[in-house]
C-alpha atoms as a PDB file:
ATOM      1  CA  UNK A   1     -31.862  36.496  34.725  1.00  0.00           C
ATOM      2  CA  UNK A   2     -31.144  39.951  33.765  1.00  0.00           C
ATOM      3  CA  UNK A   3     -28.246  39.852  31.251  1.00  0.00           C
ATOM      4  CA  UNK A   4     -24.583  41.451  32.283  1.00  0.00           C
ATOM      5  CA  UNK A   5     -24.457  44.483  30.193  1.00  0.00           C
ATOM      6  CA  UNK A   6     -20.732  44.516  30.737  1.00  0.00           C
ATOM      7  CA  UNK A   7     -20.445  41.136  29.216  1.00  0.00           C
ATOM      8  CA  UNK A   8     -18.055  41.193  26.553  1.00  0.00           C
ATOM      9  CA  UNK A   9     -19.273  40.603  22.884  1.00  0.00           C
ATOM     10  CA  UNK A  10     -16.393  38.619  21.486  1.00  0.00           C
ATOM     11  CA  UNK A  11     -15.243  35.572  22.669  1.00  0.00           C
ATOM     12  CA  UNK A  12     -11.586  35.539  23.755  1.00  0.00           C
ATOM     13  CA  UNK A  13      -9.048  34.208  21.222  1.00  0.00           C
ATOM     14  CA  UNK A  14      -5.688  33.807  23.416  1.00  0.00           C
ATOM     15  CA  UNK A  15      -3.873  32.005  20.216  1.00  0.00           C
ATOM     16  CA  UNK A  16      -3.516  35.282  18.627  1.00  0.00           C
ATOM     17  CA  UNK A  17      -2.064  37.359  21.992  1.00  0.00           C
ATOM     18  CA  UNK A  18       1.323  38.166  21.807  1.00  0.00           C
ATOM     19  CA  UNK A  19       3.933  35.449  22.760  1.00  0.00           C
ATOM     20  CA  UNK A  20       7.646  34.920  22.719  1.00  0.00           C
ATOM     21  CA  UNK A  21       8.727  31.701  21.206  1.00  0.00           C
ATOM     22  CA  UNK A  22      10.490  30.119  18.236  1.00  0.00           C
ATOM     23  CA  UNK A  23       9.101  28.889  14.418  1.00  0.00           C
ATOM     24  CA  UNK A  24       7.646  25.609  14.840  1.00  0.00           C
ATOM     25  CA  UNK A  25       7.539  22.656  11.998  1.00  0.00           C
ATOM     26  CA  UNK A  26       4.222  21.000  12.183  1.00  0.00           C
ATOM     27  CA  UNK A  27       1.185  22.648  14.543  1.00  0.00           C
ATOM     28  CA  UNK A  28      -1.987  20.326  13.815  1.00  0.00           C
ATOM     29  CA  UNK A  29      -4.495  17.385  14.535  1.00  0.00           C
ATOM     30  CA  UNK A  30      -4.162  13.826  13.782  1.00  0.00           C
ATOM     31  CA  UNK A  31      -6.519  11.062  13.720  1.00  0.00           C
ATOM     32  CA  UNK A  32      -9.615  12.947  12.451  1.00  0.00           C
ATOM     33  CA  UNK A  33     -12.574  10.377  11.345  1.00  0.00           C
ATOM     34  CA  UNK A  34     -14.349  11.788   8.046  1.00  0.00           C
ATOM     35  CA  UNK A  35     -15.894   9.779   5.226  1.00  0.00           C
ATOM     36  CA  UNK A  36     -13.812  10.234   1.822  1.00  0.00           C
ATOM     37  CA  UNK A  37     -15.165   9.363  -1.506  1.00  0.00           C
ATOM     38  CA  UNK A  38     -12.016   7.363  -3.216  1.00  0.00           C
ATOM     39  CA  UNK A  39     -12.184   5.539  -6.747  1.00  0.00           C
ATOM     40  CA  UNK A  40     -13.553   1.990  -6.807  1.00  0.00           C
ATOM     41  CA  UNK A  41     -11.632   0.859 -10.149  1.00  0.00           C
ATOM     42  CA  UNK A  42     -15.188   0.204 -12.037  1.00  0.00           C
ATOM     43  CA  UNK A  43     -16.212   3.891 -12.901  1.00  0.00           C
ATOM     44  CA  UNK A  44     -17.863   4.608  -9.740  1.00  0.00           C
ATOM     45  CA  UNK A  45     -17.048   5.790  -6.340  1.00  0.00           C
ATOM     46  CA  UNK A  46     -16.382   3.947  -2.998  1.00  0.00           C
ATOM     47  CA  UNK A  47     -17.165   5.885   0.518  1.00  0.00           C
ATOM     48  CA  UNK A  48     -14.327   4.619   2.882  1.00  0.00           C
ATOM     49  CA  UNK A  49     -13.600   5.572   6.618  1.00  0.00           C
ATOM     50  CA  UNK A  50     -10.680   7.695   6.647  1.00  0.00           C
ATOM     51  CA  UNK A  51      -8.473   9.029   9.616  1.00  0.00           C
ATOM     52  CA  UNK A  52      -6.405  11.863   8.708  1.00  0.00           C
ATOM     53  CA  UNK A  53      -3.935  14.312  10.105  1.00  0.00           C
ATOM     54  CA  UNK A  54      -3.731  17.841   8.818  1.00  0.00           C
ATOM     55  CA  UNK A  55      -0.957  20.338   9.438  1.00  0.00           C
ATOM     56  CA  UNK A  56       0.585  23.793   9.107  1.00  0.00           C
ATOM     57  CA  UNK A  57       3.956  25.299   9.868  1.00  0.00           C
ATOM     58  CA  UNK A  58       3.777  28.240  12.375  1.00  0.00           C
ATOM     59  CA  UNK A  59       6.527  30.775  10.865  1.00  0.00           C
ATOM     60  CA  UNK A  60       5.306  33.892  13.414  1.00  0.00           C
ATOM     61  CA  UNK A  61       7.117  33.635  16.538  1.00  0.00           C
ATOM     62  CA  UNK A  62       4.931  35.983  18.210  1.00  0.00           C
ATOM     63  CA  UNK A  63       2.118  33.976  18.116  1.00  0.00           C
ATOM     64  CA  UNK A  64       1.296  31.375  20.393  1.00  0.00           C
ATOM     65  CA  UNK A  65      -0.366  28.944  17.917  1.00  0.00           C
ATOM     66  CA  UNK A  66      -2.599  28.323  15.049  1.00  0.00           C
ATOM     67  CA  UNK A  67      -6.101  28.387  14.704  1.00  0.00           C
ATOM     68  CA  UNK A  68      -6.929  23.915  14.207  1.00  0.00           C
ATOM     69  CA  UNK A  69     -10.682  24.343  14.075  1.00  0.00           C
ATOM     70  CA  UNK A  70     -10.370  25.973  10.620  1.00  0.00           C
ATOM     71  CA  UNK A  71      -8.328  22.735   9.598  1.00  0.00           C
ATOM     72  CA  UNK A  72     -11.294  20.380  10.558  1.00  0.00           C
ATOM     73  CA  UNK A  73     -13.819  22.353   8.974  1.00  0.00           C
ATOM     74  CA  UNK A  74     -12.055  22.822   5.762  1.00  0.00           C
ATOM     75  CA  UNK A  75     -11.366  18.913   5.825  1.00  0.00           C
ATOM     76  CA  UNK A  76     -14.814  18.607   5.755  1.00  0.00           C
ATOM     77  CA  UNK A  77     -15.972  20.979   3.306  1.00  0.00           C
ATOM     78  CA  UNK A  78     -13.870  19.690   0.696  1.00  0.00           C
ATOM     79  CA  UNK A  79     -13.457  15.889   1.036  1.00  0.00           C
ATOM     80  CA  UNK A  80     -17.195  15.376   2.052  1.00  0.00           C
ATOM     81  CA  UNK A  81     -18.387  16.253  -1.546  1.00  0.00           C
ATOM     82  CA  UNK A  82     -15.441  15.388  -3.999  1.00  0.00           C
ATOM     83  CA  UNK A  83     -13.873  12.367  -4.574  1.00  0.00           C
ATOM     84  CA  UNK A  84     -10.450  11.960  -3.722  1.00  0.00           C
ATOM     85  CA  UNK A  85      -7.740  13.259  -6.289  1.00  0.00           C
ATOM     86  CA  UNK A  86      -4.583  14.929  -6.276  1.00  0.00           C
ATOM     87  CA  UNK A  87      -6.593  18.450  -7.343  1.00  0.00           C
ATOM     88  CA  UNK A  88      -8.628  17.999  -4.375  1.00  0.00           C
ATOM     89  CA  UNK A  89      -5.808  17.558  -2.113  1.00  0.00           C
ATOM     90  CA  UNK A  90      -3.789  20.522  -3.993  1.00  0.00           C
ATOM     91  CA  UNK A  91      -7.153  22.652  -2.964  1.00  0.00           C
ATOM     92  CA  UNK A  92      -7.184  21.687   0.265  1.00  0.00           C
ATOM     93  CA  UNK A  93      -4.051  22.728   1.068  1.00  0.00           C
ATOM     94  CA  UNK A  94      -4.049  26.004  -0.276  1.00  0.00           C
ATOM     95  CA  UNK A  95      -7.622  26.557   1.659  1.00  0.00           C
ATOM     96  CA  UNK A  96      -5.311  25.471   4.733  1.00  0.00           C
ATOM     97  CA  UNK A  97      -2.579  28.202   4.136  1.00  0.00           C
ATOM     98  CA  UNK A  98      -5.182  30.818   2.619  1.00  0.00           C
ATOM     99  CA  UNK A  99      -6.748  30.239   6.210  1.00  0.00           C
ATOM    100  CA  UNK A 100      -3.593  31.017   8.352  1.00  0.00           C
ATOM    101  CA  UNK A 101      -2.390  33.792   6.542  1.00  0.00           C
ATOM    102  CA  UNK A 102       0.792  35.123   7.440  1.00  0.00           C
ATOM    103  CA  UNK A 103       1.144  32.249   9.893  1.00  0.00           C
ATOM    104  CA  UNK A 104       1.899  29.457   7.890  1.00  0.00           C
ATOM    105  CA  UNK A 105       3.582  28.963   4.175  1.00  0.00           C
ATOM    106  CA  UNK A 106       3.725  25.341   4.440  1.00  0.00           C
ATOM    107  CA  UNK A 107       0.649  22.096   4.686  1.00  0.00           C
ATOM    108  CA  UNK A 108       0.759  18.870   5.146  1.00  0.00           C
ATOM    109  CA  UNK A 109      -2.383  15.989   4.920  1.00  0.00           C
ATOM    110  CA  UNK A 110      -2.284  12.323   5.786  1.00  0.00           C
ATOM    111  CA  UNK A 111      -4.757  10.203   5.360  1.00  0.00           C
ATOM    112  CA  UNK A 112      -5.043   6.586   6.019  1.00  0.00           C
ATOM    113  CA  UNK A 113      -7.903   4.273   4.848  1.00  0.00           C
ATOM    114  CA  UNK A 114      -8.866   0.509   3.405  1.00  0.00           C
ATOM    115  CA  UNK A 115      -9.462  -0.138  -0.078  1.00  0.00           C
ATOM    116  CA  UNK A 116     -11.666  -2.844  -0.608  1.00  0.00           C
ATOM    117  CA  UNK A 117     -11.153  -4.389  -4.080  1.00  0.00           C
ATOM    118  CA  UNK A 118     -13.384  -7.110  -5.596  1.00  0.00           C
ATOM    119  CA  UNK A 119     -10.965 -10.105  -7.111  1.00  0.00           C
ATOM    120  CA  UNK A 120     -12.240 -13.206  -9.468  1.00  0.00           C
ATOM    121  CA  UNK A 121     -10.991 -16.735  -8.162  1.00  0.00           C
ATOM    122  CA  UNK A 122      -7.944 -18.016 -10.366  1.00  0.00           C
ATOM    123  CA  UNK A 123     -10.370 -20.457 -12.480  1.00  0.00           C
ATOM    124  CA  UNK A 124     -13.819 -21.119 -10.696  1.00  0.00           C
ATOM    125  CA  UNK A 125     -16.479 -18.233 -11.156  1.00  0.00           C
ATOM    126  CA  UNK A 126     -16.531 -17.362  -7.798  1.00  0.00           C
ATOM    127  CA  UNK A 127     -15.265 -13.678  -6.231  1.00  0.00           C
ATOM    128  CA  UNK A 128     -14.306 -12.140  -3.142  1.00  0.00           C
ATOM    129  CA  UNK A 129     -13.022  -8.560  -1.417  1.00  0.00           C
ATOM    130  CA  UNK A 130      -9.397  -8.078  -1.274  1.00  0.00           C
ATOM    131  CA  UNK A 131      -8.538  -5.353   1.390  1.00  0.00           C
ATOM    132  CA  UNK A 132      -5.489  -3.282   0.939  1.00  0.00           C
ATOM    133  CA  UNK A 133      -4.279  -0.623   3.497  1.00  0.00           C
ATOM    134  CA  UNK A 134      -4.051   2.828   1.566  1.00  0.00           C
ATOM    135  CA  UNK A 135      -2.154   5.922   2.903  1.00  0.00           C
ATOM    136  CA  UNK A 136      -1.800   8.905   1.126  1.00  0.00           C
ATOM    137  CA  UNK A 137       0.311  11.961   2.148  1.00  0.00           C
ATOM    138  CA  UNK A 138       0.337  15.445   0.059  1.00  0.00           C
ATOM    139  CA  UNK A 139       2.652  18.317   1.133  1.00  0.00           C
ATOM    140  CA  UNK A 140       2.250  21.885   0.034  1.00  0.00           C
ATOM    141  CA  UNK A 141       5.247  24.424   0.152  1.00  0.00           C
ATOM    142  CA  UNK A 142       8.486  26.481  -1.120  1.00  0.00           C
ATOM    143  CA  UNK A 143       8.911  23.533  -3.219  1.00  0.00           C
ATOM    144  CA  UNK A 144       5.335  23.162  -4.523  1.00  0.00           C
ATOM    145  CA  UNK A 145       3.119  20.369  -4.548  1.00  0.00           C
ATOM    146  CA  UNK A 146       3.931  17.035  -4.016  1.00  0.00           C
ATOM    147  CA  UNK A 147       1.764  13.105  -3.289  1.00  0.00           C
ATOM    148  CA  UNK A 148       2.927  10.461  -2.086  1.00  0.00           C
ATOM    149  CA  UNK A 149       0.939   6.901  -2.432  1.00  0.00           C
ATOM    150  CA  UNK A 150       1.415   4.133  -0.001  1.00  0.00           C
ATOM    151  CA  UNK A 151      -0.181   0.364  -0.272  1.00  0.00           C
ATOM    152  CA  UNK A 152       0.752  -3.099   0.797  1.00  0.00           C
ATOM    153  CA  UNK A 153       0.681  -6.193  -1.262  1.00  0.00           C
ATOM    154  CA  UNK A 154       0.526  -9.530   0.066  1.00  0.00           C
ATOM    155  CA  UNK A 155       1.944 -12.432  -1.856  1.00  0.00           C
ATOM    156  CA  UNK A 156       3.046 -15.761  -1.833  1.00  0.00           C
ATOM    157  CA  UNK A 157       6.963 -16.926  -2.313  1.00  0.00           C
ATOM    158  CA  UNK A 158       8.200 -20.442  -2.853  1.00  0.00           C
ATOM    159  CA  UNK A 159      12.082 -20.110  -2.251  1.00  0.00           C
ATOM    160  CA  UNK A 160      13.929 -21.482  -5.380  1.00  0.00           C
ATOM    161  CA  UNK A 161      16.590 -22.881  -3.822  1.00  0.00           C
ATOM    162  CA  UNK A 162      14.395 -24.997  -1.283  1.00  0.00           C
ATOM    163  CA  UNK A 163      12.609 -26.045  -4.569  1.00  0.00           C
ATOM    164  CA  UNK A 164      16.039 -27.370  -6.352  1.00  0.00           C
ATOM    165  CA  UNK A 165      16.645 -29.010  -3.090  1.00  0.00           C
ATOM    166  CA  UNK A 166      13.043 -30.660  -3.225  1.00  0.00           C
ATOM    167  CA  UNK A 167      13.158 -32.046  -6.981  1.00  0.00           C
ATOM    168  CA  UNK A 168      16.879 -33.790  -5.994  1.00  0.00           C
ATOM    169  CA  UNK A 169      15.097 -35.689  -3.710  1.00  0.00           C
ATOM    170  CA  UNK A 170      12.371 -36.650  -5.877  1.00  0.00           C
ATOM    171  CA  UNK A 171      14.902 -37.593  -8.458  1.00  0.00           C
ATOM    172  CA  UNK A 172      16.655 -40.073  -5.692  1.00  0.00           C
ATOM    173  CA  UNK A 173      13.331 -41.247  -4.764  1.00  0.00           C
ATOM    174  CA  UNK A 174      12.586 -42.149  -8.294  1.00  0.00           C
ATOM    175  CA  UNK A 175      16.296 -43.771  -9.145  1.00  0.00           C
ATOM    176  CA  UNK A 176      15.731 -46.122  -5.537  1.00  0.00           C
ATOM    177  CA  UNK A 177      12.054 -46.960  -7.026  1.00  0.00           C
ATOM    178  CA  UNK A 178      12.681 -47.077 -10.662  1.00  0.00           C
ATOM    179  CA  UNK A 179      16.331 -48.998 -11.255  1.00  0.00           C
ATOM    180  CA  UNK A 180      17.892 -47.974 -14.110  1.00  0.00           C
ATOM    181  CA  UNK A 181      17.913 -51.387 -16.147  1.00  0.00           C
ATOM    182  CA  UNK A 182      14.052 -52.029 -15.360  1.00  0.00           C
ATOM    183  CA  UNK A 183      11.541 -51.434 -17.548  1.00  0.00           C
ATOM    184  CA  UNK A 184       8.855 -48.943 -16.173  1.00  0.00           C
ATOM    185  CA  UNK A 185       5.207 -49.088 -17.867  1.00  0.00           C
ATOM    186  CA  UNK A 186       4.342 -45.623 -18.122  1.00  0.00           C
ATOM    187  CA  UNK A 187       0.942 -45.766 -16.243  1.00  0.00           C
ATOM    188  CA  UNK A 188       3.071 -46.906 -13.453  1.00  0.00           C
ATOM    189  CA  UNK A 189       5.299 -44.042 -13.122  1.00  0.00           C
ATOM    190  CA  UNK A 190       2.134 -41.801 -13.803  1.00  0.00           C
ATOM    191  CA  UNK A 191       0.559 -43.442 -10.788  1.00  0.00           C
ATOM    192  CA  UNK A 192       3.853 -43.053  -8.613  1.00  0.00           C
ATOM    193  CA  UNK A 193       3.917 -39.096  -9.651  1.00  0.00           C
ATOM    194  CA  UNK A 194       0.783 -38.877  -8.140  1.00  0.00           C
ATOM    195  CA  UNK A 195       1.648 -40.618  -4.535  1.00  0.00           C
ATOM    196  CA  UNK A 196       3.100 -39.540  -1.426  1.00  0.00           C
ATOM    197  CA  UNK A 197       5.558 -42.008  -2.684  1.00  0.00           C
ATOM    198  CA  UNK A 198       6.838 -40.279  -5.277  1.00  0.00           C
ATOM    199  CA  UNK A 199       6.833 -36.580  -4.252  1.00  0.00           C
ATOM    200  CA  UNK A 200       8.873 -36.709  -1.261  1.00  0.00           C
ATOM    201  CA  UNK A 201       9.945 -33.398  -0.875  1.00  0.00           C
ATOM    202  CA  UNK A 202       8.356 -29.659  -1.425  1.00  0.00           C
ATOM    203  CA  UNK A 203       9.830 -26.442  -1.396  1.00  0.00           C
ATOM    204  CA  UNK A 204       8.682 -24.332   1.351  1.00  0.00           C
ATOM    205  CA  UNK A 205       6.553 -21.177   0.461  1.00  0.00           C
ATOM    206  CA  UNK A 206       5.816 -18.286   3.065  1.00  0.00           C
ATOM    207  CA  UNK A 207       3.666 -15.196   2.909  1.00  0.00           C
ATOM    208  CA  UNK A 208       5.224 -12.319   1.904  1.00  0.00           C
ATOM    209  CA  UNK A 209       4.625  -8.584   1.552  1.00  0.00           C
ATOM    210  CA  UNK A 210       5.733  -5.908  -0.179  1.00  0.00           C
ATOM    211  CA  UNK A 211       5.721  -2.701   1.113  1.00  0.00           C
ATOM    212  CA  UNK A 212       4.933   0.126  -1.753  1.00  0.00           C
ATOM    213  CA  UNK A 213       5.779   4.023  -1.301  1.00  0.00           C
ATOM    214  CA  UNK A 214       5.492   5.971  -4.609  1.00  0.00           C
ATOM    215  CA  UNK A 215       5.385  10.085  -5.327  1.00  0.00           C
ATOM    216  CA  UNK A 216       3.197  11.120  -7.880  1.00  0.00           C
ATOM    217  CA  UNK A 217       4.641  12.682 -10.947  1.00  0.00           C
ATOM    218  CA  UNK A 218       2.853  16.099 -11.871  1.00  0.00           C
ATOM    219  CA  UNK A 219      -0.688  15.955 -13.146  1.00  0.00           C
ATOM    220  CA  UNK A 220      -0.558  11.875 -12.114  1.00  0.00           C
ATOM    221  CA  UNK A 221      -4.328  10.476 -11.479  1.00  0.00           C
ATOM    222  CA  UNK A 222      -4.553   8.938  -8.075  1.00  0.00           C
ATOM    223  CA  UNK A 223      -4.714   5.569  -9.233  1.00  0.00           C
ATOM    224  CA  UNK A 224      -4.339   3.358  -6.132  1.00  0.00           C
ATOM    225  CA  UNK A 225      -5.537   0.180  -7.810  1.00  0.00           C
ATOM    226  CA  UNK A 226      -3.852   0.525 -10.737  1.00  0.00           C
ATOM    227  CA  UNK A 227      -0.547   0.442  -8.767  1.00  0.00           C
ATOM    228  CA  UNK A 228      -1.903  -2.727  -6.481  1.00  0.00           C
ATOM    229  CA  UNK A 229      -2.490  -4.103  -9.869  1.00  0.00           C
ATOM    230  CA  UNK A 230       0.898  -3.854 -11.508  1.00  0.00           C
ATOM    231  CA  UNK A 231       2.839  -4.846  -8.734  1.00  0.00           C
ATOM    232  CA  UNK A 232       0.375  -8.171  -8.316  1.00  0.00           C
ATOM    233  CA  UNK A 233       1.176  -8.843 -11.870  1.00  0.00           C
ATOM    234  CA  UNK A 234       4.940  -8.437 -11.738  1.00  0.00           C
ATOM    235  CA  UNK A 235       4.351 -11.141  -8.796  1.00  0.00           C
ATOM    236  CA  UNK A 236       2.267 -13.619 -10.230  1.00  0.00           C
ATOM    237  CA  UNK A 237       0.623 -14.713  -6.947  1.00  0.00           C
ATOM    238  CA  UNK A 238      -1.078 -12.615  -5.364  1.00  0.00           C
ATOM    239  CA  UNK A 239      -3.409 -14.143  -2.250  1.00  0.00           C
ATOM    240  CA  UNK A 240      -6.454 -15.321  -2.981  1.00  0.00           C
ATOM    241  CA  UNK A 241     -10.313 -14.545  -1.652  1.00  0.00           C
ATOM    242  CA  UNK A 242     -12.873 -17.188  -2.647  1.00  0.00           C
ATOM    243  CA  UNK A 243     -10.508 -20.810  -3.478  1.00  0.00           C
ATOM    244  CA  UNK A 244     -12.449 -23.554  -4.639  1.00  0.00           C
ATOM    245  CA  UNK A 245     -10.374 -26.948  -5.321  1.00  0.00           C
ATOM    246  CA  UNK A 246      -9.447 -25.864  -8.536  1.00  0.00           C
ATOM    247  CA  UNK A 247      -8.486 -22.319  -7.900  1.00  0.00           C
ATOM    248  CA  UNK A 248      -6.158 -23.837  -5.368  1.00  0.00           C
ATOM    249  CA  UNK A 249      -4.822 -26.305  -8.218  1.00  0.00           C
ATOM    250  CA  UNK A 250      -4.359 -22.992 -10.248  1.00  0.00           C
ATOM    251  CA  UNK A 251      -2.437 -20.673  -7.494  1.00  0.00           C
ATOM    252  CA  UNK A 252      -0.169 -24.116  -6.981  1.00  0.00           C
ATOM    253  CA  UNK A 253       1.190 -24.172 -10.745  1.00  0.00           C
ATOM    254  CA  UNK A 254       1.577 -19.899 -10.390  1.00  0.00           C
ATOM    255  CA  UNK A 255       3.694 -20.729  -7.368  1.00  0.00           C
ATOM    256  CA  UNK A 256       5.504 -23.169  -9.372  1.00  0.00           C
ATOM    257  CA  UNK A 257       6.215 -21.401 -12.191  1.00  0.00           C
ATOM    258  CA  UNK A 258       7.013 -17.924 -10.320  1.00  0.00           C
ATOM    259  CA  UNK A 259      10.060 -19.413  -7.559  1.00  0.00           C
ATOM    260  CA  UNK A 260      11.732 -16.369  -5.951  1.00  0.00           C
ATOM    261  CA  UNK A 261      13.521 -14.731  -3.540  1.00  0.00           C
ATOM    262  CA  UNK A 262      13.289 -11.405  -2.095  1.00  0.00           C
ATOM    263  CA  UNK A 263      15.856 -10.171  -4.324  1.00  0.00           C
ATOM    264  CA  UNK A 264      14.039 -11.519  -7.293  1.00  0.00           C
ATOM    265  CA  UNK A 265      10.205 -10.112  -6.029  1.00  0.00           C
ATOM    266  CA  UNK A 266      12.060  -6.673  -5.756  1.00  0.00           C
ATOM    267  CA  UNK A 267      13.710  -6.756  -8.947  1.00  0.00           C
ATOM    268  CA  UNK A 268      10.280  -7.440 -10.351  1.00  0.00           C
ATOM    269  CA  UNK A 269       8.558  -4.829  -8.657  1.00  0.00           C
ATOM    270  CA  UNK A 270      11.135  -2.393  -9.612  1.00  0.00           C
ATOM    271  CA  UNK A 271      11.158  -3.345 -13.661  1.00  0.00           C
ATOM    272  CA  UNK A 272       7.247  -2.598 -13.461  1.00  0.00           C
ATOM    273  CA  UNK A 273       7.414   0.551 -11.884  1.00  0.00           C
ATOM    274  CA  UNK A 274      10.622   2.043 -13.387  1.00  0.00           C
ATOM    275  CA  UNK A 275       8.639   1.817 -16.918  1.00  0.00           C
ATOM    276  CA  UNK A 276       5.920   3.851 -15.472  1.00  0.00           C
ATOM    277  CA  UNK A 277       6.286   7.934 -16.316  1.00  0.00           C
ATOM    278  CA  UNK A 278       3.499   8.622 -14.004  1.00  0.00           C
ATOM    279  CA  UNK A 279       5.861   8.207 -11.103  1.00  0.00           C
ATOM    280  CA  UNK A 280       8.387  10.300  -9.967  1.00  0.00           C
ATOM    281  CA  UNK A 281      10.137   7.948  -7.688  1.00  0.00           C
ATOM    282  CA  UNK A 282       9.230   4.806  -5.758  1.00  0.00           C
ATOM    283  CA  UNK A 283      10.553   3.260  -2.881  1.00  0.00           C
ATOM    284  CA  UNK A 284       9.838  -0.573  -2.123  1.00  0.00           C
ATOM    285  CA  UNK A 285      10.358  -2.769   1.041  1.00  0.00           C
ATOM    286  CA  UNK A 286      10.004  -6.575   0.826  1.00  0.00           C
ATOM    287  CA  UNK A 287       9.590  -8.583   3.538  1.00  0.00           C
ATOM    288  CA  UNK A 288       9.392 -12.925   2.842  1.00  0.00           C
ATOM    289  CA  UNK A 289       8.398 -14.215   6.394  1.00  0.00           C
ATOM    290  CA  UNK A 290      10.310 -17.648   6.260  1.00  0.00           C
ATOM    291  CA  UNK A 291       8.425 -21.042   6.905  1.00  0.00           C
ATOM    292  CA  UNK A 292      12.008 -22.376   6.835  1.00  0.00           C
ATOM    293  CA  UNK A 293      14.055 -19.971   9.506  1.00  0.00           C
ATOM    294  CA  UNK A 294      12.269 -17.383  12.655  1.00  0.00           C
ATOM    295  CA  UNK A 295      13.728 -14.571  11.108  1.00  0.00           C
ATOM    296  CA  UNK A 296      12.518 -12.883   7.594  1.00  0.00           C
ATOM    297  CA  UNK A 297      14.090 -11.885   4.542  1.00  0.00           C
ATOM    298  CA  UNK A 298      14.060  -8.235   3.216  1.00  0.00           C
ATOM    299  CA  UNK A 299      15.123  -6.578   0.274  1.00  0.00           C
ATOM    300  CA  UNK A 300      14.938  -3.019  -0.583  1.00  0.00           C
ATOM    301  CA  UNK A 301      14.504  -1.600  -3.941  1.00  0.00           C
ATOM    302  CA  UNK A 302      13.869   1.909  -5.564  1.00  0.00           C
ATOM    303  CA  UNK A 303      13.506   4.077  -8.611  1.00  0.00           C
ATOM    304  CA  UNK A 304      16.820   3.778 -11.189  1.00  0.00           C
ATOM    305  CA  UNK A 305      18.463   6.375 -12.819  1.00  0.00           C
ATOM    306  CA  UNK A 306      16.993   9.070 -10.519  1.00  0.00           C
END
């Protein structure tokens, strides 16, 4: 078939045609799927499956839209070969703006992925994998460059009030089984303490979640695992992976040594993160998903002295 000599040599681009409208806060794409290389915490990098949202604003009121394909191709170029870091994200956002010269003066990107961390059991020699959801958002605009890191940390919380009530019931049962005038052999008391008759009540505990969001200070590294480790160390009872009986016993001991209301947990994390000058700001939301109540106990905390 003979090619039409009158066919245009360039493909039409209606986005740049004159158009009357208003400036737009953000325009872009959400849910882009791409592999991203992150710090694995052991000196190596880990490839993860990320979902990415990419945006620029649109300041030109005479332009209909932006060049979305340019954002997509830049993500593939910058994140495909370089490990994720604040430096990489800032370069990518600057490339977003350069690719939309005179159309935009602000850029934003958000990445969501799961970070796998190898964890050792509390006492046995076994190991297992923990999964932490990670959300990273970076912005570049008139106020400069900023990176926010967010994750969820699951832990166990044992209620101090319930523990006190359980101890009282155990004392009452002891007084009933061993009257004050009775001479009690040590072996008999020891056996009683190891029986269901002796430990007549136990405090209630629940799976709990710390939602942590932290804005990094200037030039601070993007260290997800370090943030997770500091929060877990402050709480003392993160959920476990591989568990044998000796590990379960160690976890029971940790719960008994770390009685906490949601307020206590929030203050523990607050103290741990306040001491870190790599964080410009942070916000924490604690959920203790009650085993006693049908509702949750919740506390919030943020950086002090802001």
